[in-house]
Each structure stands twice: as structure tokens, then as C-alpha cells.
């Protein structure tokens, strides 16, 4: 799987690729950036990380970058019951494109918006859930969460997870996203 960690400022992930219980020598970038326009026409930037089935991470990430921006405001508006966007590409649409209708796909994602909001979602199709930092996911997530609760930042937390979790490793990738100042 992998380890994702967000400490309120930095999102970090390892680069390990596993297929089932097999470790590979391949590396994968599990973090991406994107943007969408909200219902008022404002550009909202976001960064996100994905963990789960290695064969699906790039496909899911590509979908989010290319089409997923349409989905994010839809899910947020439904979740928050706010005015605005009522149309968009749903997660069900994405999952229907996978073999077996996506029933074999397993992934988790975390989205950090430049508004400071943190949202998580998974392939179980429960939609977006509002989260707070510190946030972790993946096979080494509990180790990383413990490290952050003990004072480590996201990078150190994923490094610690890679020391003790065989599904976490092959180096780290991290990114930050400046948040918009609130008026």
C-alpha cells in the first residue's frame, strides 16, 4: 500500500510500489496538484495524495487531475449542503470504468484545498469526509499518526513508518500548498 501523512502544512508520501504482498523496485509519485472553479468562479487550488492498489493509483490520479475537479465542488456542496454546483462527474462514474465495476479497487485519497479545508475519500464510495490535521492513511498510517502526535512533522512521520512498515519506502515526496488569506 503506502503511507500518506498531512501535518497541517505538508503532505508527504512514500514512493514504494507493491503489488499484493510483493515489493517491487518501481517508484511512484502518489502526490498531485490540481485546481477547479467554485460556484462563484473562483479558482481553488488543491493538492492530494492517493494510496491503495498500485495499478490503480496513476489511473485514479489522472482522472482527478483531468476530470475530478468537476466532482470536488459537487461533493463539497452536497456534504456541506451549501448553494452552488449541482452537477459533476461522480465517483460512481469513475468506478464504473474499472474492471468489475470497480468492486476490486481499493484506494484512499486526501485533498487539501488552498482554503485550508481537508477532505478525505475512499473507494468505498462514501463521498468526501471533512478531516483535520494530523491526518494519515495507508498501511503505515497508524505509525505515522503516532509519530506526528509525538511531535514529528509529516516528512519525519513517513520516514519513521518506512523504517517499520515493509509496504512503505523507496524515498519520500512532499508538497505544500499556500492557503488563501481569509478576509
N, C-alpha and C. Protein backbone atom coordinates (compact mmCIF):
# COMPACT_ATOMS: atom_id res chain seq x y z
N UNK A 1 0.86 -1.17 0.00
CA UNK A 1 0.00 0.00 0.00
C UNK A 1 0.90 1.23 0.00
N UNK A 2 0.89 2.03 1.02
CA UNK A 2 1.74 3.22 1.11
C UNK A 2 1.50 3.88 2.44
N UNK A 3 2.12 5.02 2.64
CA UNK A 3 1.82 5.85 3.81
C UNK A 3 1.67 7.29 3.35
N UNK A 4 0.54 7.89 3.70
CA UNK A 4 0.30 9.31 3.48
C UNK A 4 0.22 9.98 4.83
N UNK A 5 0.77 11.19 4.93
CA UNK A 5 0.67 11.95 6.17
C UNK A 5 0.53 13.43 5.85
N UNK A 6 -0.37 14.09 6.56
CA UNK A 6 -0.56 15.53 6.44
C UNK A 6 -0.54 16.13 7.83
N UNK A 7 0.35 17.10 8.05
CA UNK A 7 0.52 17.68 9.38
C UNK A 7 -0.10 19.06 9.56
N UNK A 8 -0.87 19.50 8.59
CA UNK A 8 -1.48 20.83 8.64
C UNK A 8 -0.78 21.81 7.74
N UNK A 9 0.37 21.42 7.23
CA UNK A 9 1.14 22.26 6.32
C UNK A 9 1.70 21.47 5.15
N UNK A 10 2.25 20.31 5.44
CA UNK A 10 2.94 19.50 4.44
C UNK A 10 2.23 18.16 4.26
N UNK A 11 2.06 17.77 2.99
CA UNK A 11 1.54 16.45 2.64
C UNK A 11 2.73 15.62 2.18
N UNK A 12 2.87 14.43 2.71
CA UNK A 12 4.03 13.59 2.39
C UNK A 12 3.57 12.16 2.12
N UNK A 13 4.27 11.49 1.20
CA UNK A 13 4.00 10.09 0.89
C UNK A 13 5.31 9.41 0.54
N UNK A 14 5.35 8.11 0.73
CA UNK A 14 6.50 7.34 0.26
C UNK A 14 6.31 7.05 -1.23
N UNK A 15 7.32 6.41 -1.85
CA UNK A 15 7.27 6.12 -3.28
C UNK A 15 7.21 4.61 -3.58
N UNK A 16 7.10 3.79 -2.53
CA UNK A 16 7.11 2.33 -2.69
C UNK A 16 5.94 1.86 -3.54
N UNK A 17 6.20 0.91 -4.42
CA UNK A 17 5.15 0.26 -5.19
C UNK A 17 5.10 -1.20 -4.76
N UNK A 18 3.92 -1.64 -4.39
CA UNK A 18 3.71 -3.05 -4.08
C UNK A 18 2.57 -3.57 -4.94
N UNK A 19 2.65 -4.82 -5.25
CA UNK A 19 1.57 -5.49 -5.97
C UNK A 19 1.18 -6.68 -5.10
N UNK A 20 0.03 -6.52 -4.43
CA UNK A 20 -0.35 -7.53 -3.44
C UNK A 20 0.65 -7.49 -2.30
N UNK A 21 1.24 -8.63 -1.99
CA UNK A 21 2.26 -8.67 -0.95
C UNK A 21 3.67 -8.62 -1.52
N UNK A 22 3.79 -8.37 -2.83
CA UNK A 22 5.09 -8.32 -3.49
C UNK A 22 5.63 -6.90 -3.55
N UNK A 23 6.84 -6.71 -3.07
CA UNK A 23 7.51 -5.42 -3.18
C UNK A 23 8.18 -5.35 -4.54
N UNK A 24 8.13 -4.19 -5.18
CA UNK A 24 8.80 -4.02 -6.47
C UNK A 24 9.91 -3.00 -6.32
N UNK A 25 10.72 -2.87 -7.34
CA UNK A 25 11.78 -1.86 -7.35
C UNK A 25 11.30 -0.57 -8.02
N UNK A 26 10.04 -0.53 -8.41
CA UNK A 26 9.49 0.66 -9.05
C UNK A 26 9.18 1.72 -8.01
N UNK A 27 9.21 2.96 -8.45
CA UNK A 27 8.82 4.09 -7.61
C UNK A 27 7.64 4.78 -8.25
N UNK A 28 6.80 5.40 -7.42
CA UNK A 28 5.61 6.07 -7.93
C UNK A 28 5.37 7.36 -7.15
N UNK A 29 5.03 8.41 -7.87
CA UNK A 29 4.63 9.66 -7.23
C UNK A 29 3.16 9.55 -6.87
N UNK A 30 2.85 9.62 -5.60
CA UNK A 30 1.48 9.44 -5.13
C UNK A 30 0.83 10.76 -4.74
N UNK A 31 1.53 11.86 -5.01
CA UNK A 31 1.01 13.19 -4.71
C UNK A 31 0.80 13.96 -6.00
N UNK A 32 -0.25 14.74 -6.05
CA UNK A 32 -0.57 15.55 -7.23
C UNK A 32 -1.13 16.90 -6.79
N UNK A 33 -1.14 17.84 -7.75
CA UNK A 33 -1.79 19.14 -7.54
C UNK A 33 -2.80 19.35 -8.65
N UNK A 34 -3.81 20.16 -8.38
CA UNK A 34 -4.82 20.47 -9.37
C UNK A 34 -5.57 21.72 -8.96
N UNK A 35 -6.65 22.02 -9.69
CA UNK A 35 -7.50 23.16 -9.36
C UNK A 35 -8.88 22.97 -9.96
N UNK A 36 -9.84 23.72 -9.46
CA UNK A 36 -11.18 23.76 -10.02
C UNK A 36 -11.75 25.15 -9.78
N UNK A 37 -12.83 25.45 -10.45
CA UNK A 37 -13.53 26.71 -10.21
C UNK A 37 -14.72 26.43 -9.32
N UNK A 38 -14.85 27.22 -8.25
CA UNK A 38 -16.01 27.04 -7.38
C UNK A 38 -17.24 27.68 -8.01
N UNK A 39 -18.37 27.60 -7.34
CA UNK A 39 -19.62 28.08 -7.89
C UNK A 39 -19.65 29.60 -8.09
N UNK A 40 -18.70 30.31 -7.51
CA UNK A 40 -18.60 31.76 -7.69
C UNK A 40 -17.58 32.13 -8.76
N UNK A 41 -16.97 31.12 -9.40
CA UNK A 41 -15.99 31.37 -10.44
C UNK A 41 -14.58 31.55 -9.92
N UNK A 42 -14.36 31.36 -8.63
CA UNK A 42 -13.02 31.49 -8.05
C UNK A 42 -12.21 30.23 -8.29
N UNK A 43 -10.93 30.40 -8.60
CA UNK A 43 -10.04 29.27 -8.79
C UNK A 43 -9.61 28.75 -7.42
N UNK A 44 -9.86 27.48 -7.18
CA UNK A 44 -9.47 26.84 -5.92
C UNK A 44 -8.38 25.82 -6.25
N UNK A 45 -7.22 26.02 -5.68
CA UNK A 45 -6.12 25.08 -5.87
C UNK A 45 -6.19 24.01 -4.79
N UNK A 46 -5.70 22.81 -5.15
CA UNK A 46 -5.65 21.75 -4.16
C UNK A 46 -4.46 20.84 -4.43
N UNK A 47 -4.04 20.15 -3.40
CA UNK A 47 -3.06 19.08 -3.55
C UNK A 47 -3.73 17.84 -2.99
N UNK A 48 -3.33 16.70 -3.49
CA UNK A 48 -3.91 15.47 -2.97
C UNK A 48 -2.91 14.33 -3.03
N UNK A 49 -3.15 13.36 -2.18
CA UNK A 49 -2.35 12.15 -2.14
C UNK A 49 -3.25 10.95 -2.23
N UNK A 50 -2.75 9.90 -2.85
CA UNK A 50 -3.51 8.67 -3.01
C UNK A 50 -2.70 7.49 -2.53
N UNK A 51 -3.39 6.54 -1.95
CA UNK A 51 -2.75 5.27 -1.60
C UNK A 51 -3.73 4.16 -1.93
N UNK A 52 -3.19 3.00 -2.17
CA UNK A 52 -4.03 1.85 -2.48
C UNK A 52 -3.40 0.98 -3.54
N UNK A 53 -4.23 0.31 -4.30
CA UNK A 53 -3.76 -0.61 -5.33
C UNK A 53 -2.84 0.13 -6.30
N UNK A 54 -1.60 -0.34 -6.40
CA UNK A 54 -0.60 0.35 -7.22
C UNK A 54 -1.02 0.49 -8.66
N UNK A 55 -1.67 -0.51 -9.21
CA UNK A 55 -2.08 -0.45 -10.60
C UNK A 55 -3.15 0.60 -10.86
N UNK A 56 -3.84 1.05 -9.83
CA UNK A 56 -4.94 1.99 -10.00
C UNK A 56 -4.58 3.41 -9.60
N UNK A 57 -3.51 3.61 -8.83
CA UNK A 57 -3.20 4.94 -8.31
C UNK A 57 -3.01 5.94 -9.43
N UNK A 58 -2.21 5.60 -10.45
CA UNK A 58 -1.99 6.55 -11.55
C UNK A 58 -3.27 6.82 -12.32
N UNK A 59 -4.08 5.78 -12.54
CA UNK A 59 -5.33 5.96 -13.26
C UNK A 59 -6.28 6.87 -12.48
N UNK A 60 -6.42 6.62 -11.19
CA UNK A 60 -7.29 7.45 -10.36
C UNK A 60 -6.75 8.87 -10.29
N UNK A 61 -5.44 9.02 -10.12
CA UNK A 61 -4.84 10.36 -10.05
C UNK A 61 -5.05 11.12 -11.35
N UNK A 62 -4.89 10.46 -12.48
CA UNK A 62 -5.11 11.12 -13.76
C UNK A 62 -6.55 11.56 -13.90
N UNK A 63 -7.47 10.74 -13.46
CA UNK A 63 -8.88 11.11 -13.54
C UNK A 63 -9.17 12.34 -12.70
N UNK A 64 -8.58 12.41 -11.48
CA UNK A 64 -8.82 13.57 -10.63
C UNK A 64 -8.26 14.84 -11.26
N UNK A 65 -7.07 14.75 -11.83
CA UNK A 65 -6.45 15.93 -12.42
C UNK A 65 -7.21 16.37 -13.66
N UNK A 66 -7.62 15.42 -14.50
CA UNK A 66 -8.28 15.76 -15.76
C UNK A 66 -9.77 16.06 -15.57
N UNK A 67 -10.48 15.20 -14.85
CA UNK A 67 -11.93 15.34 -14.74
C UNK A 67 -12.41 15.59 -13.31
N UNK A 68 -11.61 15.21 -12.34
CA UNK A 68 -12.07 15.21 -10.97
C UNK A 68 -12.40 16.56 -10.38
N UNK A 69 -11.83 17.61 -10.95
CA UNK A 69 -12.15 18.94 -10.45
C UNK A 69 -13.64 19.21 -10.55
N UNK A 70 -14.32 18.58 -11.50
CA UNK A 70 -15.76 18.75 -11.64
C UNK A 70 -16.49 18.11 -10.47
N UNK A 71 -15.90 17.04 -9.93
CA UNK A 71 -16.53 16.29 -8.86
C UNK A 71 -16.37 16.97 -7.51
N UNK A 72 -15.24 17.59 -7.29
CA UNK A 72 -14.94 18.10 -5.95
C UNK A 72 -15.97 19.10 -5.46
N UNK A 73 -16.29 20.16 -6.22
CA UNK A 73 -17.29 21.08 -5.69
C UNK A 73 -18.66 20.44 -5.53
N UNK A 74 -18.98 19.45 -6.37
CA UNK A 74 -20.26 18.76 -6.24
C UNK A 74 -20.32 18.04 -4.91
N UNK A 75 -19.29 17.27 -4.58
CA UNK A 75 -19.29 16.55 -3.32
C UNK A 75 -19.25 17.49 -2.14
N UNK A 76 -18.45 18.56 -2.25
CA UNK A 76 -18.38 19.51 -1.14
C UNK A 76 -19.72 20.18 -0.94
N UNK A 77 -20.39 20.56 -2.02
CA UNK A 77 -21.68 21.23 -1.86
C UNK A 77 -22.71 20.27 -1.27
N UNK A 78 -22.65 19.00 -1.67
CA UNK A 78 -23.57 18.02 -1.08
C UNK A 78 -23.25 17.80 0.38
N UNK A 79 -21.95 17.68 0.67
CA UNK A 79 -21.54 17.41 2.04
C UNK A 79 -21.90 18.58 2.95
N UNK A 80 -21.65 19.79 2.47
CA UNK A 80 -21.90 20.98 3.28
C UNK A 80 -23.33 21.49 3.13
N UNK A 81 -24.09 20.91 2.18
CA UNK A 81 -25.44 21.36 1.87
C UNK A 81 -25.46 22.86 1.57
N UNK A 82 -24.42 23.30 0.86
CA UNK A 82 -24.33 24.72 0.52
C UNK A 82 -24.92 24.95 -0.87
N UNK A 83 -25.11 26.22 -1.19
CA UNK A 83 -25.61 26.55 -2.51
C UNK A 83 -24.52 26.29 -3.54
N UNK A 84 -24.86 26.33 -4.80
CA UNK A 84 -23.83 26.24 -5.84
C UNK A 84 -23.97 25.06 -6.75
N UNK A 85 -22.84 24.42 -6.99
CA UNK A 85 -22.74 23.40 -8.02
C UNK A 85 -23.66 22.23 -7.72
N UNK A 86 -24.38 21.81 -8.73
CA UNK A 86 -25.26 20.65 -8.58
C UNK A 86 -24.94 19.56 -9.58
N UNK A 87 -23.97 19.80 -10.47
CA UNK A 87 -23.61 18.79 -11.44
C UNK A 87 -22.12 18.49 -11.33
N UNK A 88 -21.73 17.33 -11.77
CA UNK A 88 -20.32 16.96 -11.79
C UNK A 88 -20.19 15.48 -12.02
N UNK A 89 -18.99 15.08 -12.30
CA UNK A 89 -18.69 13.67 -12.53
C UNK A 89 -18.57 12.99 -11.18
N UNK A 90 -19.34 11.97 -10.94
CA UNK A 90 -19.35 11.33 -9.62
C UNK A 90 -18.30 10.23 -9.52
N UNK A 91 -18.04 9.83 -8.30
CA UNK A 91 -17.14 8.71 -8.07
C UNK A 91 -17.72 7.43 -8.66
N UNK A 92 -19.03 7.30 -8.64
CA UNK A 92 -19.66 6.12 -9.25
C UNK A 92 -19.33 6.03 -10.74
N UNK A 93 -19.29 7.19 -11.42
CA UNK A 93 -18.94 7.21 -12.84
C UNK A 93 -17.51 6.72 -13.02
N UNK A 94 -16.60 7.20 -12.19
CA UNK A 94 -15.20 6.74 -12.25
C UNK A 94 -15.12 5.24 -12.02
N UNK A 95 -15.73 4.76 -10.96
CA UNK A 95 -15.61 3.35 -10.60
C UNK A 95 -16.21 2.45 -11.67
N UNK A 96 -17.24 2.91 -12.38
CA UNK A 96 -17.87 2.09 -13.40
C UNK A 96 -16.94 1.82 -14.58
N UNK A 97 -15.88 2.63 -14.73
CA UNK A 97 -14.93 2.45 -15.83
C UNK A 97 -13.89 1.36 -15.52
N UNK A 98 -13.81 0.93 -14.26
CA UNK A 98 -12.84 -0.10 -13.88
C UNK A 98 -13.41 -1.49 -14.14
N UNK A 99 -12.51 -2.48 -14.29
CA UNK A 99 -12.99 -3.85 -14.42
C UNK A 99 -13.87 -4.23 -13.23
N UNK A 100 -14.88 -5.03 -13.46
CA UNK A 100 -15.83 -5.47 -12.42
C UNK A 100 -16.54 -4.29 -11.75
N UNK A 101 -16.67 -3.18 -12.47
CA UNK A 101 -17.38 -2.03 -11.92
C UNK A 101 -16.68 -1.37 -10.76
N UNK A 102 -15.37 -1.65 -10.61
CA UNK A 102 -14.60 -1.05 -9.54
C UNK A 102 -14.69 -1.76 -8.20
N UNK A 103 -15.35 -2.92 -8.17
CA UNK A 103 -15.51 -3.61 -6.90
C UNK A 103 -14.18 -4.16 -6.36
N UNK A 104 -13.19 -4.32 -7.24
CA UNK A 104 -11.89 -4.84 -6.81
C UNK A 104 -10.91 -3.72 -6.48
N UNK A 105 -11.30 -2.47 -6.66
CA UNK A 105 -10.40 -1.33 -6.49
C UNK A 105 -10.42 -0.88 -5.05
N UNK A 106 -9.23 -0.60 -4.52
CA UNK A 106 -9.11 -0.14 -3.14
C UNK A 106 -8.15 1.05 -3.12
N UNK A 107 -8.63 2.21 -2.77
CA UNK A 107 -7.76 3.37 -2.62
C UNK A 107 -8.35 4.36 -1.63
N UNK A 108 -7.49 5.19 -1.08
CA UNK A 108 -7.86 6.31 -0.23
C UNK A 108 -7.20 7.55 -0.79
N UNK A 109 -7.84 8.70 -0.60
CA UNK A 109 -7.28 9.96 -1.07
C UNK A 109 -7.53 11.03 -0.03
N UNK A 110 -6.60 11.97 0.04
CA UNK A 110 -6.77 13.15 0.88
C UNK A 110 -6.59 14.36 -0.01
N UNK A 111 -7.49 15.33 0.13
CA UNK A 111 -7.44 16.58 -0.62
C UNK A 111 -7.25 17.71 0.36
N UNK A 112 -6.29 18.58 0.08
CA UNK A 112 -6.08 19.78 0.88
C UNK A 112 -6.31 20.96 -0.04
N UNK A 113 -7.33 21.76 0.26
CA UNK A 113 -7.68 22.92 -0.56
C UNK A 113 -6.93 24.14 -0.07
N UNK A 114 -6.70 25.11 -0.97
CA UNK A 114 -6.00 26.33 -0.56
C UNK A 114 -6.83 27.20 0.37
N UNK A 115 -8.06 26.78 0.64
CA UNK A 115 -8.89 27.45 1.64
C UNK A 115 -8.56 26.93 3.04
N UNK A 116 -7.71 25.90 3.11
CA UNK A 116 -7.34 25.30 4.38
C UNK A 116 -8.18 24.07 4.73
N UNK A 117 -9.19 23.78 3.92
CA UNK A 117 -10.04 22.62 4.20
C UNK A 117 -9.32 21.32 3.84
N UNK A 118 -9.60 20.29 4.61
CA UNK A 118 -9.02 18.97 4.39
C UNK A 118 -10.18 17.99 4.21
N UNK A 119 -10.14 17.24 3.10
CA UNK A 119 -11.20 16.28 2.78
C UNK A 119 -10.58 14.94 2.43
N UNK A 120 -11.20 13.87 2.89
CA UNK A 120 -10.74 12.52 2.58
C UNK A 120 -11.86 11.76 1.88
N UNK A 121 -11.48 10.82 1.04
CA UNK A 121 -12.45 9.96 0.38
C UNK A 121 -11.79 8.62 0.11
N UNK A 122 -12.62 7.62 -0.15
CA UNK A 122 -12.07 6.30 -0.43
C UNK A 122 -12.92 5.59 -1.47
N UNK A 123 -12.41 4.47 -1.94
CA UNK A 123 -13.09 3.72 -2.98
C UNK A 123 -14.37 3.04 -2.50
N UNK A 124 -14.67 3.12 -1.21
CA UNK A 124 -15.93 2.55 -0.74
C UNK A 124 -17.12 3.45 -1.10
N UNK A 125 -16.81 4.58 -1.77
CA UNK A 125 -17.81 5.49 -2.33
C UNK A 125 -18.70 6.15 -1.30
N UNK A 126 -18.15 6.43 -0.13
CA UNK A 126 -18.92 7.13 0.89
C UNK A 126 -18.90 8.64 0.66
N UNK A 127 -18.19 9.10 -0.36
CA UNK A 127 -18.09 10.52 -0.63
C UNK A 127 -16.97 11.14 0.17
N UNK A 128 -16.94 12.45 0.17
CA UNK A 128 -15.90 13.18 0.90
C UNK A 128 -16.30 13.33 2.36
N UNK A 129 -15.30 13.21 3.23
CA UNK A 129 -15.48 13.38 4.66
C UNK A 129 -14.52 14.46 5.12
N UNK A 130 -15.02 15.44 5.85
CA UNK A 130 -14.19 16.53 6.36
C UNK A 130 -13.24 15.97 7.41
N UNK A 131 -11.97 16.31 7.29
CA UNK A 131 -10.94 15.83 8.21
C UNK A 131 -10.15 17.01 8.77
N UNK A 132 -9.30 16.72 9.70
CA UNK A 132 -8.39 17.72 10.27
C UNK A 132 -7.00 17.12 10.36
N UNK A 133 -6.02 17.99 10.40
CA UNK A 133 -4.64 17.53 10.61
C UNK A 133 -4.45 17.28 12.11
N UNK A 134 -3.63 16.32 12.47
CA UNK A 134 -2.89 15.45 11.58
C UNK A 134 -3.79 14.36 11.00
N UNK A 135 -3.49 14.02 9.74
CA UNK A 135 -4.25 13.01 9.03
C UNK A 135 -3.26 12.04 8.39
N UNK A 136 -3.57 10.75 8.48
CA UNK A 136 -2.73 9.73 7.84
C UNK A 136 -3.62 8.69 7.17
N UNK A 137 -3.03 7.97 6.24
CA UNK A 137 -3.73 6.88 5.59
C UNK A 137 -2.70 5.90 5.07
N UNK A 138 -3.17 4.73 4.71
CA UNK A 138 -2.28 3.73 4.14
C UNK A 138 -1.79 2.74 5.16
N UNK A 139 -0.99 1.81 4.68
CA UNK A 139 -0.52 0.71 5.52
C UNK A 139 0.30 1.18 6.72
N UNK A 140 1.07 2.24 6.55
CA UNK A 140 1.87 2.77 7.66
C UNK A 140 1.23 3.96 8.34
N UNK A 141 -0.05 4.18 8.08
CA UNK A 141 -0.74 5.35 8.61
C UNK A 141 -0.77 5.45 10.12
N UNK A 142 -1.00 4.35 10.80
CA UNK A 142 -1.06 4.39 12.26
C UNK A 142 0.30 4.73 12.87
N UNK A 143 1.36 4.20 12.27
CA UNK A 143 2.71 4.53 12.75
C UNK A 143 2.97 6.02 12.53
N UNK A 144 2.63 6.53 11.35
CA UNK A 144 2.85 7.94 11.04
C UNK A 144 2.02 8.84 11.96
N UNK A 145 0.79 8.45 12.24
CA UNK A 145 -0.05 9.24 13.14
C UNK A 145 0.56 9.30 14.53
N UNK A 146 1.03 8.17 15.03
CA UNK A 146 1.69 8.15 16.34
C UNK A 146 2.91 9.05 16.36
N UNK A 147 3.68 9.03 15.28
CA UNK A 147 4.87 9.88 15.20
C UNK A 147 4.48 11.36 15.22
N UNK A 148 3.42 11.72 14.48
CA UNK A 148 3.01 13.13 14.46
C UNK A 148 2.43 13.56 15.80
N UNK A 149 1.69 12.68 16.47
CA UNK A 149 1.16 13.01 17.79
C UNK A 149 2.28 13.17 18.82
N UNK A 150 3.42 12.55 18.53
CA UNK A 150 4.59 12.69 19.40
C UNK A 150 5.47 13.87 19.01
N UNK A 151 5.05 14.64 17.97
CA UNK A 151 5.77 15.86 17.61
C UNK A 151 6.46 15.87 16.26
N UNK A 152 6.45 14.77 15.54
CA UNK A 152 7.11 14.72 14.23
C UNK A 152 6.26 15.47 13.19
N UNK A 153 6.93 16.02 12.18
CA UNK A 153 6.20 16.59 11.05
C UNK A 153 5.87 15.46 10.08
N UNK A 154 5.15 15.78 9.00
CA UNK A 154 4.71 14.74 8.06
C UNK A 154 5.88 13.98 7.44
N UNK A 155 6.95 14.70 7.07
CA UNK A 155 8.11 14.03 6.45
C UNK A 155 8.74 13.03 7.41
N UNK A 156 8.97 13.45 8.63
CA UNK A 156 9.59 12.57 9.62
C UNK A 156 8.66 11.39 9.93
N UNK A 157 7.34 11.65 9.98
CA UNK A 157 6.38 10.60 10.28
C UNK A 157 6.40 9.50 9.23
N UNK A 158 6.46 9.88 7.94
CA UNK A 158 6.51 8.88 6.87
C UNK A 158 7.85 8.16 6.89
N UNK A 159 8.93 8.88 7.21
CA UNK A 159 10.25 8.25 7.32
C UNK A 159 10.24 7.20 8.43
N UNK A 160 9.61 7.51 9.55
CA UNK A 160 9.52 6.55 10.65
C UNK A 160 8.69 5.34 10.21
N UNK A 161 7.58 5.59 9.54
CA UNK A 161 6.75 4.48 9.05
C UNK A 161 7.55 3.59 8.10
N UNK A 162 8.39 4.20 7.26
CA UNK A 162 9.17 3.40 6.31
C UNK A 162 10.22 2.55 7.01
N UNK A 163 10.60 2.93 8.22
CA UNK A 163 11.56 2.13 8.99
C UNK A 163 10.93 0.85 9.54
N UNK A 164 9.61 0.86 9.75
CA UNK A 164 8.98 -0.29 10.41
C UNK A 164 7.91 -0.98 9.58
N UNK A 165 7.55 -0.42 8.43
CA UNK A 165 6.49 -1.00 7.61
C UNK A 165 7.05 -1.39 6.25
N UNK A 166 6.97 -2.66 5.92
CA UNK A 166 7.59 -3.14 4.68
C UNK A 166 6.88 -2.65 3.43
N UNK A 167 5.68 -2.11 3.54
CA UNK A 167 4.95 -1.59 2.39
C UNK A 167 5.14 -0.08 2.22
N UNK A 168 6.07 0.49 2.95
CA UNK A 168 6.38 1.92 2.89
C UNK A 168 7.87 2.06 2.67
N UNK A 169 8.27 2.87 1.68
CA UNK A 169 9.70 3.05 1.45
C UNK A 169 10.01 3.65 0.10
N UNK A 170 11.24 3.42 -0.36
CA UNK A 170 11.77 3.91 -1.64
C UNK A 170 11.80 5.43 -1.72
N UNK A 171 12.01 6.09 -0.60
CA UNK A 171 12.11 7.54 -0.60
C UNK A 171 10.77 8.22 -0.33
N UNK A 172 10.83 9.54 -0.20
CA UNK A 172 9.66 10.33 0.15
C UNK A 172 9.44 11.44 -0.87
N UNK A 173 8.20 11.86 -1.00
CA UNK A 173 7.83 13.03 -1.78
C UNK A 173 6.92 13.86 -0.90
N UNK A 174 7.15 15.18 -0.88
CA UNK A 174 6.28 16.04 -0.08
C UNK A 174 5.96 17.30 -0.87
N UNK A 175 4.85 17.94 -0.48
CA UNK A 175 4.47 19.21 -1.09
C UNK A 175 3.67 20.03 -0.10
N UNK A 176 3.68 21.32 -0.33
CA UNK A 176 2.87 22.23 0.47
C UNK A 176 2.02 23.05 -0.48
N UNK A 177 0.98 23.66 0.04
CA UNK A 177 0.08 24.47 -0.75
C UNK A 177 -0.22 25.72 0.07
N UNK A 178 0.20 26.89 -0.43
CA UNK A 178 -0.11 28.11 0.31
C UNK A 178 -1.62 28.28 0.43
N UNK A 179 -2.09 28.64 1.62
CA UNK A 179 -3.52 28.85 1.82
C UNK A 179 -3.87 30.30 1.55
N UNK A 180 -5.10 30.50 1.10
CA UNK A 180 -5.59 31.85 0.84
C UNK A 180 -5.83 32.55 2.18
N UNK A 181 -5.56 33.84 2.21
CA UNK A 181 -5.84 34.62 3.40
C UNK A 181 -7.33 34.90 3.45
N UNK A 182 -7.91 34.71 4.64
CA UNK A 182 -9.33 34.97 4.81
C UNK A 182 -9.54 36.45 5.10
N UNK A 183 -10.59 37.00 4.51
CA UNK A 183 -10.90 38.43 4.73
C UNK A 183 -11.56 38.64 6.05
